[in-house]
């Protein structure tokens, strides 16, 4: 299990993985390209927000397909 948190610690989560994340991806949407963001995916059952779900905000643009979550306190993109 790996523990995750945003910069200010308002949001914390756990991901259940046995080893390192298998596949790291780079999104080509305009937001992720500007941020230089990389990501990986885990199954829903392997992800649990343990603190601060009420601090998590969402931003969607254009087609509104992608959901960009971020901390409403420190602004870190999750």
C-alpha atoms as a PDB file:
ATOM      1  CA  UNK A   1       0.000   0.000   0.000  1.00  0.00           C
ATOM      2  CA  UNK A   2       1.200   3.497  -0.820  1.00  0.00           C
ATOM      3  CA  UNK A   3       0.042   6.603   1.014  1.00  0.00           C
ATOM      4  CA  UNK A   4      -0.550   9.785  -0.965  1.00  0.00           C
ATOM      5  CA  UNK A   5      -1.246  13.372   0.032  1.00  0.00           C
ATOM      6  CA  UNK A   6      -1.462  16.799  -1.493  1.00  0.00           C
ATOM      7  CA  UNK A   7       1.141  19.482  -0.707  1.00  0.00           C
ATOM      8  CA  UNK A   8      -0.697  20.947   2.303  1.00  0.00           C
ATOM      9  CA  UNK A   9      -1.882  17.585   3.671  1.00  0.00           C
ATOM     10  CA  UNK A  10      -5.588  18.444   3.479  1.00  0.00           C
ATOM     11  CA  UNK A  11      -6.243  15.440   1.225  1.00  0.00           C
ATOM     12  CA  UNK A  12      -4.838  11.974   1.864  1.00  0.00           C
ATOM     13  CA  UNK A  13      -5.421   8.701   0.050  1.00  0.00           C
ATOM     14  CA  UNK A  14      -4.160   5.138  -0.136  1.00  0.00           C
ATOM     15  CA  UNK A  15      -3.557   3.052  -3.221  1.00  0.00           C
ATOM     16  CA  UNK A  16      -3.250  -0.689  -2.894  1.00  0.00           C
ATOM     17  CA  UNK A  17      -0.414  -1.801  -5.158  1.00  0.00           C
ATOM     18  CA  UNK A  18       1.974  -4.659  -4.527  1.00  0.00           C
ATOM     19  CA  UNK A  19       4.941  -3.085  -6.313  1.00  0.00           C
ATOM     20  CA  UNK A  20       5.667   0.085  -8.247  1.00  0.00           C
ATOM     21  CA  UNK A  21       3.002   1.454 -10.555  1.00  0.00           C
ATOM     22  CA  UNK A  22       3.100  -0.517 -13.780  1.00  0.00           C
ATOM     23  CA  UNK A  23       2.363   2.058 -16.433  1.00  0.00           C
ATOM     24  CA  UNK A  24       3.030   5.791 -16.341  1.00  0.00           C
ATOM     25  CA  UNK A  25       1.114   7.821 -18.935  1.00  0.00           C
ATOM     26  CA  UNK A  26       1.364  11.349 -20.278  1.00  0.00           C
ATOM     27  CA  UNK A  27      -1.975  12.929 -21.193  1.00  0.00           C
ATOM     28  CA  UNK A  28      -2.041  15.174 -24.255  1.00  0.00           C
ATOM     29  CA  UNK A  29      -4.912  17.472 -23.224  1.00  0.00           C
ATOM     30  CA  UNK A  30      -4.060  21.177 -23.048  1.00  0.00           C
ATOM     31  CA  UNK A  31      -4.215  21.295 -19.234  1.00  0.00           C
ATOM     32  CA  UNK A  32      -1.923  18.310 -18.646  1.00  0.00           C
ATOM     33  CA  UNK A  33       0.499  19.440 -21.366  1.00  0.00           C
ATOM     34  CA  UNK A  34       0.854  22.847 -19.700  1.00  0.00           C
ATOM     35  CA  UNK A  35       1.396  21.267 -16.286  1.00  0.00           C
ATOM     36  CA  UNK A  36       3.721  18.558 -17.579  1.00  0.00           C
ATOM     37  CA  UNK A  37       1.494  16.098 -15.726  1.00  0.00           C
ATOM     38  CA  UNK A  38       2.033  12.367 -15.760  1.00  0.00           C
ATOM     39  CA  UNK A  39      -0.370   9.798 -14.360  1.00  0.00           C
ATOM     40  CA  UNK A  40      -0.981   6.178 -13.664  1.00  0.00           C
ATOM     41  CA  UNK A  41      -4.210   4.271 -13.198  1.00  0.00           C
ATOM     42  CA  UNK A  42      -5.401   1.945 -10.468  1.00  0.00           C
ATOM     43  CA  UNK A  43      -8.716   0.123 -10.162  1.00  0.00           C
ATOM     44  CA  UNK A  44     -11.391   1.893  -8.109  1.00  0.00           C
ATOM     45  CA  UNK A  45     -11.303  -0.853  -5.489  1.00  0.00           C
ATOM     46  CA  UNK A  46      -7.569  -0.187  -4.986  1.00  0.00           C
ATOM     47  CA  UNK A  47      -8.012   3.546  -4.298  1.00  0.00           C
ATOM     48  CA  UNK A  48      -9.411   5.104  -1.107  1.00  0.00           C
ATOM     49  CA  UNK A  49      -9.536   8.746  -0.025  1.00  0.00           C
ATOM     50  CA  UNK A  50      -8.843   8.689   3.709  1.00  0.00           C
ATOM     51  CA  UNK A  51      -8.967  12.406   4.520  1.00  0.00           C
ATOM     52  CA  UNK A  52     -10.335  15.608   3.034  1.00  0.00           C
ATOM     53  CA  UNK A  53     -12.752  14.391   0.381  1.00  0.00           C
ATOM     54  CA  UNK A  54     -14.705  17.619   1.006  1.00  0.00           C
ATOM     55  CA  UNK A  55     -11.588  19.606  -0.007  1.00  0.00           C
ATOM     56  CA  UNK A  56     -11.383  17.854  -3.388  1.00  0.00           C
ATOM     57  CA  UNK A  57     -12.688  19.992  -6.262  1.00  0.00           C
ATOM     58  CA  UNK A  58     -13.201  19.193  -9.922  1.00  0.00           C
ATOM     59  CA  UNK A  59     -12.451  21.161 -13.082  1.00  0.00           C
ATOM     60  CA  UNK A  60     -13.809  20.153 -16.487  1.00  0.00           C
ATOM     61  CA  UNK A  61     -13.496  21.975 -19.784  1.00  0.00           C
ATOM     62  CA  UNK A  62     -14.401  21.702 -23.478  1.00  0.00           C
ATOM     63  CA  UNK A  63     -16.020  18.260 -23.965  1.00  0.00           C
ATOM     64  CA  UNK A  64     -16.131  17.655 -20.187  1.00  0.00           C
ATOM     65  CA  UNK A  65     -14.903  14.078 -20.676  1.00  0.00           C
ATOM     66  CA  UNK A  66     -11.808  14.399 -18.495  1.00  0.00           C
ATOM     67  CA  UNK A  67     -12.251  15.209 -14.812  1.00  0.00           C
ATOM     68  CA  UNK A  68      -9.353  17.119 -13.283  1.00  0.00           C
ATOM     69  CA  UNK A  69      -9.375  16.901  -9.474  1.00  0.00           C
ATOM     70  CA  UNK A  70      -7.393  19.267  -7.275  1.00  0.00           C
ATOM     71  CA  UNK A  71      -7.059  20.338  -3.639  1.00  0.00           C
ATOM     72  CA  UNK A  72      -9.119  23.469  -2.951  1.00  0.00           C
ATOM     73  CA  UNK A  73      -6.584  24.574  -0.300  1.00  0.00           C
ATOM     74  CA  UNK A  74      -3.162  24.236  -1.996  1.00  0.00           C
ATOM     75  CA  UNK A  75      -4.261  23.724  -5.618  1.00  0.00           C
ATOM     76  CA  UNK A  76      -2.260  20.538  -6.173  1.00  0.00           C
ATOM     77  CA  UNK A  77      -3.655  18.566  -9.125  1.00  0.00           C
ATOM     78  CA  UNK A  78      -4.416  14.972  -8.169  1.00  0.00           C
END
